[in-house]
Amino acid sequence: CPNYLTGDRCQYTNTCQKRPCLNQGNCIPLGPQNNFMCLCSPGFGHYDCSIYLGLSCNTSLCVNDGICDHNGTNIQCICPINFAGPRC
């Protein structure tokens, strides 16, 4: 399928092609009907990562045993081997 289509016969529009996740969030298509999920960058939330939640390390920020690193001005997840992305 071209990048903008998905499905067994390329019959659905790939909503993630429109980049609906803001603030460097990663879009994951969830099948037909233009459904998607955003994996938000640290400090952001809401369905499209549009809401700033503040910078803090909490127990649910980094997944897959990632380690939260907050240096006062920036926050990031340090991911274990074989995991990557804003939240690992």
Foldseek 3Di string as FASTA:
>chain_A
DPPQFDDPVSPAGALCVVVQAPPPWHWDDDDHPSDIATREAAQADDRRRPHGNDHDDDPPQAPPPWDWDDPPPDIATHDDPPDDDRRD
